[in-house]
């Protein structure tokens, strides 16, 4: 196995959250042979791994290390993004984080209606920007695994747009989430506020956090997220809890 990687470039460096020198992550990179691929191939294979082998779901917090996301086997925009960045840097691909907030409506259908009023109006969101050839491209389409997305496409076969169930897209049935060397998106029509670009998730969470308060935070970690994950599993299996409206108003400011 190759030696641990350390780099002076801030967009290649390990951090507390981008812990790609973790034993399990190093073993994963080695077993997949990603480091021996072309640059575009490395990005694509890692993107596909994070998109489909780490299923859409909710971890205990946003600011957990990549190794924890990998161990959980599930993730959402922020946590899957951390894992994606760690794996990309492990194979010498420069990447950074672009932070946003999204409208809470985008989570409707996954968040049970009973607790939906408790959710903050704007939810912390991010995507990964990766350097390819001569510029950065934005990667957001890895958030939803293909089985989950296919279930939503079947359930909303008559709808072109969807804002809910973790989707914010004006082209639900052809959202362009597969890797082909260009930017990918799946929640971008739900964006509310642009929070800027950061070298690492560590820097992002040092400035921004999802403020829930002690009681709501405890409820989320111990009960609500498990309820949400159960709903995600039902949706993935084709059992849709259709109990929401579909409109996101997209106005970045």
Protein backbone atom coordinates (compact mmCIF):
# COMPACT_ATOMS: atom_id res chain seq x y z
CA UNK A 1 0.00 0.00 0.00
CA UNK A 2 1.26 3.49 -0.79
CA UNK A 3 2.53 5.83 1.91
CA UNK A 4 0.25 8.43 3.51
CA UNK A 5 -0.16 11.56 1.39
CA UNK A 6 0.65 15.02 2.72
CA UNK A 7 0.58 18.09 0.53
CA UNK A 8 1.42 21.78 0.76
CA UNK A 9 -1.47 22.62 -1.58
CA UNK A 10 -4.48 23.51 0.59
CA UNK A 11 -6.80 21.87 -1.96
CA UNK A 12 -4.96 18.55 -1.61
CA UNK A 13 -4.21 18.55 2.11
CA UNK A 14 -5.71 16.21 4.71
CA UNK A 15 -7.70 17.81 7.53
CA UNK A 16 -9.55 16.52 10.57
CA UNK A 17 -12.65 15.88 8.47
CA UNK A 18 -10.81 14.97 5.27
CA UNK A 19 -8.99 12.13 6.99
CA UNK A 20 -8.02 10.22 3.86
CA UNK A 21 -4.99 8.70 5.58
CA UNK A 22 -7.42 6.70 7.74
CA UNK A 23 -6.63 3.00 7.41
CA UNK A 24 -10.04 2.03 6.03
CA UNK A 25 -10.06 4.82 3.45
CA UNK A 26 -6.53 4.04 2.31
CA UNK A 27 -7.48 0.37 1.94
CA UNK A 28 -10.55 1.38 -0.11
CA UNK A 29 -8.51 3.55 -2.46
CA UNK A 30 -5.93 0.82 -2.93
CA UNK A 31 -8.48 -1.95 -3.50
CA UNK A 32 -10.31 0.04 -6.18
CA UNK A 33 -7.12 1.01 -8.00
CA UNK A 34 -8.28 4.59 -8.34
CA UNK A 35 -4.80 6.11 -8.09
CA UNK A 36 -3.73 4.25 -11.25
CA UNK A 37 -6.50 5.71 -13.42
CA UNK A 38 -6.51 8.82 -15.59
CA UNK A 39 -7.49 12.07 -13.90
CA UNK A 40 -10.99 12.02 -15.40
CA UNK A 41 -11.30 8.33 -14.58
CA UNK A 42 -10.30 8.88 -10.96
CA UNK A 43 -12.92 11.57 -10.52
CA UNK A 44 -15.62 9.54 -12.23
CA UNK A 45 -15.02 6.28 -10.36
CA UNK A 46 -14.91 8.01 -6.97
CA UNK A 47 -17.97 10.10 -7.84
CA UNK A 48 -19.91 6.95 -8.77
CA UNK A 49 -18.78 5.19 -5.60
CA UNK A 50 -19.96 8.02 -3.34
CA UNK A 51 -23.17 8.45 -5.29
CA UNK A 52 -24.30 4.82 -5.35
CA UNK A 53 -22.36 2.78 -2.82
CA UNK A 54 -22.91 5.35 -0.05
CA UNK A 55 -26.69 5.53 -0.07
CA UNK A 56 -28.66 8.70 0.56
CA UNK A 57 -29.46 9.01 4.27
CA UNK A 58 -28.94 11.12 7.36
CA UNK A 59 -25.93 10.89 9.67
CA UNK A 60 -25.82 12.14 13.24
CA UNK A 61 -24.25 15.48 12.22
CA UNK A 62 -22.83 17.40 9.25
CA UNK A 63 -19.32 17.85 10.63
CA UNK A 64 -18.23 14.22 10.88
CA UNK A 65 -14.99 12.88 9.31
CA UNK A 66 -14.96 11.14 5.95
CA UNK A 67 -14.00 7.88 7.65
CA UNK A 68 -17.19 8.03 9.73
CA UNK A 69 -19.34 8.67 6.65
CA UNK A 70 -17.72 5.64 5.00
CA UNK A 71 -18.34 3.52 8.10
CA UNK A 72 -21.99 4.67 8.26
CA UNK A 73 -22.52 3.71 4.61
CA UNK A 74 -25.04 6.55 4.19
CA UNK A 75 -24.89 10.30 3.82
CA UNK A 76 -26.52 13.49 2.59
CA UNK A 77 -25.16 16.52 0.74
CA UNK A 78 -22.69 17.67 3.37
CA UNK A 79 -21.47 14.32 4.65
CA UNK A 80 -21.23 12.62 1.27
CA UNK A 81 -19.41 15.73 0.07
CA UNK A 82 -16.84 15.33 2.83
CA UNK A 83 -16.22 11.71 1.81
CA UNK A 84 -16.02 12.66 -1.87
CA UNK A 85 -13.44 15.36 -1.13
CA UNK A 86 -11.35 13.05 1.02
CA UNK A 87 -11.23 10.32 -1.61
CA UNK A 88 -10.46 12.80 -4.38
CA UNK A 89 -7.57 14.27 -2.42
CA UNK A 90 -6.31 10.78 -1.65
CA UNK A 91 -5.66 10.36 -5.40
CA UNK A 92 -4.24 13.85 -5.90
CA UNK A 93 -7.35 15.59 -7.27
CA UNK A 94 -7.69 19.20 -6.14
CA UNK A 95 -11.10 20.07 -4.73
CA UNK A 96 -12.89 22.59 -2.54
CA UNK A 97 -16.30 23.15 -0.95
CA UNK A 98 -18.98 25.64 -1.99
CA UNK A 99 -21.44 26.37 0.79
CA UNK A 100 -25.10 27.38 0.56
CA UNK A 101 -28.39 27.17 2.35
CA UNK A 102 -31.41 25.50 0.79
CA UNK A 103 -35.13 25.96 1.39
CA UNK A 104 -36.61 23.54 3.90
CA UNK A 105 -39.26 22.56 1.31
CA UNK A 106 -36.60 20.51 -0.44
CA UNK A 107 -36.60 18.07 2.50
CA UNK A 108 -40.36 17.78 2.66
CA UNK A 109 -41.55 14.23 2.19
CA UNK A 110 -38.39 12.94 3.84
CA UNK A 111 -38.98 14.99 6.97
CA UNK A 112 -42.23 13.65 8.46
CA UNK A 113 -45.08 16.18 8.42
CA UNK A 114 -45.49 15.86 12.18
CA UNK A 115 -42.05 17.39 12.78
CA UNK A 116 -41.70 19.44 9.58
CA UNK A 117 -42.69 22.69 11.35
CA UNK A 118 -39.69 22.21 13.66
CA UNK A 119 -37.21 22.27 10.78
CA UNK A 120 -35.31 25.54 10.23
CA UNK A 121 -36.46 27.54 7.21
CA UNK A 122 -33.01 27.34 5.63
CA UNK A 123 -30.89 24.19 5.77
CA UNK A 124 -27.10 24.08 5.49
CA UNK A 125 -26.00 22.71 2.12
CA UNK A 126 -22.83 22.30 0.10
CA UNK A 127 -21.43 20.84 -3.07
CA UNK A 128 -17.92 19.93 -4.17
CA UNK A 129 -15.93 21.85 -6.76
CA UNK A 130 -13.24 19.77 -8.42
CA UNK A 131 -10.37 20.90 -10.64
CA UNK A 132 -10.42 19.21 -14.03
CA UNK A 133 -8.03 20.16 -16.82
CA UNK A 134 -8.28 23.96 -16.78
CA UNK A 135 -10.99 24.92 -14.32
CA UNK A 136 -13.37 23.96 -11.53
CA UNK A 137 -16.60 22.06 -12.12
CA UNK A 138 -19.40 21.69 -9.58
CA UNK A 139 -20.48 18.26 -8.33
CA UNK A 140 -23.79 17.96 -6.52
CA UNK A 141 -25.44 15.07 -8.37
CA UNK A 142 -23.80 12.47 -6.10
CA UNK A 143 -26.22 13.14 -3.22
CA UNK A 144 -29.00 10.74 -4.22
CA UNK A 145 -28.20 7.13 -5.09
CA UNK A 146 -29.63 5.94 -8.39
CA UNK A 147 -32.16 3.53 -6.84
CA UNK A 148 -33.64 6.24 -4.64
CA UNK A 149 -33.76 8.73 -7.53
CA UNK A 150 -35.37 6.15 -9.83
CA UNK A 151 -38.13 5.58 -7.27
CA UNK A 152 -38.90 9.30 -7.24
CA UNK A 153 -38.88 9.44 -11.05
CA UNK A 154 -41.41 6.59 -11.13
CA UNK A 155 -43.60 8.13 -8.45
CA UNK A 156 -43.62 11.54 -10.17
CA UNK A 157 -43.70 10.29 -13.75
CA UNK A 158 -45.93 13.15 -14.86
CA UNK A 159 -43.83 15.88 -13.26
CA UNK A 160 -40.94 17.70 -14.87
CA UNK A 161 -40.03 19.67 -11.74
CA UNK A 162 -39.73 18.48 -8.19
CA UNK A 163 -38.86 20.18 -4.93
CA UNK A 164 -39.05 17.71 -2.10
CA UNK A 165 -37.82 14.28 -1.01
CA UNK A 166 -34.25 15.59 -1.26
CA UNK A 167 -34.64 16.79 -4.86
CA UNK A 168 -34.54 20.34 -6.15
CA UNK A 169 -34.57 19.99 -9.93
CA UNK A 170 -36.42 21.45 -12.89
CA UNK A 171 -35.58 18.36 -14.96
CA UNK A 172 -36.44 15.40 -12.73
CA UNK A 173 -36.33 12.73 -15.43
CA UNK A 174 -33.06 13.78 -16.99
CA UNK A 175 -31.20 15.69 -14.28
CA UNK A 176 -27.70 15.03 -15.61
CA UNK A 177 -26.33 13.42 -12.47
CA UNK A 178 -24.11 10.82 -14.16
CA UNK A 179 -20.42 11.66 -14.43
CA UNK A 180 -19.36 12.81 -17.90
CA UNK A 181 -16.79 15.48 -17.09
CA UNK A 182 -19.17 18.41 -16.51
CA UNK A 183 -21.04 19.87 -13.53
CA UNK A 184 -23.84 17.80 -12.00
CA UNK A 185 -26.77 18.99 -9.85
CA UNK A 186 -29.76 17.50 -8.04
CA UNK A 187 -30.71 20.10 -5.38
CA UNK A 188 -29.71 23.37 -7.03
CA UNK A 189 -33.21 24.78 -7.59
CA UNK A 190 -33.74 24.81 -3.82
CA UNK A 191 -30.78 27.09 -3.09
CA UNK A 192 -31.57 30.08 -0.91
CA UNK A 193 -28.25 31.72 -0.02
CA UNK A 194 -24.68 31.46 -1.31
CA UNK A 195 -22.23 31.15 1.61
CA UNK A 196 -19.04 31.15 -0.44
CA UNK A 197 -16.10 28.89 -1.23
CA UNK A 198 -13.92 27.09 1.33
CA UNK A 199 -10.73 25.06 1.09
CA UNK A 200 -12.18 22.36 3.34
CA UNK A 201 -15.35 21.37 5.18
CA UNK A 202 -13.46 22.11 8.41
CA UNK A 203 -13.21 25.77 7.41
CA UNK A 204 -16.87 25.84 6.36
CA UNK A 205 -18.17 24.41 9.64
CA UNK A 206 -15.91 26.70 11.64
CA UNK A 207 -18.09 29.54 10.28
CA UNK A 208 -21.47 27.89 9.70
CA UNK A 209 -23.53 25.29 11.53
CA UNK A 210 -27.13 24.09 11.48
CA UNK A 211 -28.54 25.80 14.55
CA UNK A 212 -31.20 23.57 16.08
CA UNK A 213 -30.84 24.31 19.78
CA UNK A 214 -30.20 21.69 22.44
CA UNK A 215 -33.64 20.08 22.50
CA UNK A 216 -34.19 19.98 18.72
CA UNK A 217 -30.62 18.80 18.22
CA UNK A 218 -31.11 15.96 20.69
CA UNK A 219 -34.40 14.99 19.07
CA UNK A 220 -32.82 15.04 15.62
CA UNK A 221 -29.83 12.88 16.58
CA UNK A 222 -31.79 10.34 18.57
CA UNK A 223 -35.21 10.14 16.92
CA UNK A 224 -36.01 12.34 13.92
CA UNK A 225 -33.10 11.30 11.71
CA UNK A 226 -33.90 7.62 12.27
CA UNK A 227 -37.50 8.34 11.28
CA UNK A 228 -36.22 10.17 8.18
CA UNK A 229 -33.92 7.28 7.28
CA UNK A 230 -36.83 4.85 7.61
CA UNK A 231 -38.81 6.99 5.17
CA UNK A 232 -35.83 7.10 2.78
CA UNK A 233 -35.65 3.29 2.84
CA UNK A 234 -39.37 3.06 2.06
CA UNK A 235 -39.01 5.49 -0.83
CA UNK A 236 -36.04 3.55 -2.17
CA UNK A 237 -38.22 0.43 -2.07
CA UNK A 238 -40.97 2.23 -4.01
CA UNK A 239 -43.35 2.95 -1.12
CA UNK A 240 -43.98 6.67 -1.38
CA UNK A 241 -45.32 8.76 1.53
CA UNK A 242 -46.79 11.47 -0.70
CA UNK A 243 -47.69 14.17 1.79
CA UNK A 244 -46.21 17.45 0.63
CA UNK A 245 -46.40 20.27 -1.93
CA UNK A 246 -43.78 20.50 -4.67
CA UNK A 247 -42.73 24.11 -5.07
CA UNK A 248 -39.29 25.56 -4.35
CA UNK A 249 -38.78 29.22 -5.04
CA UNK A 250 -35.23 29.50 -6.37
CA UNK A 251 -33.67 32.88 -5.68
CA UNK A 252 -30.04 32.92 -4.60
CA UNK A 253 -29.05 36.02 -2.66
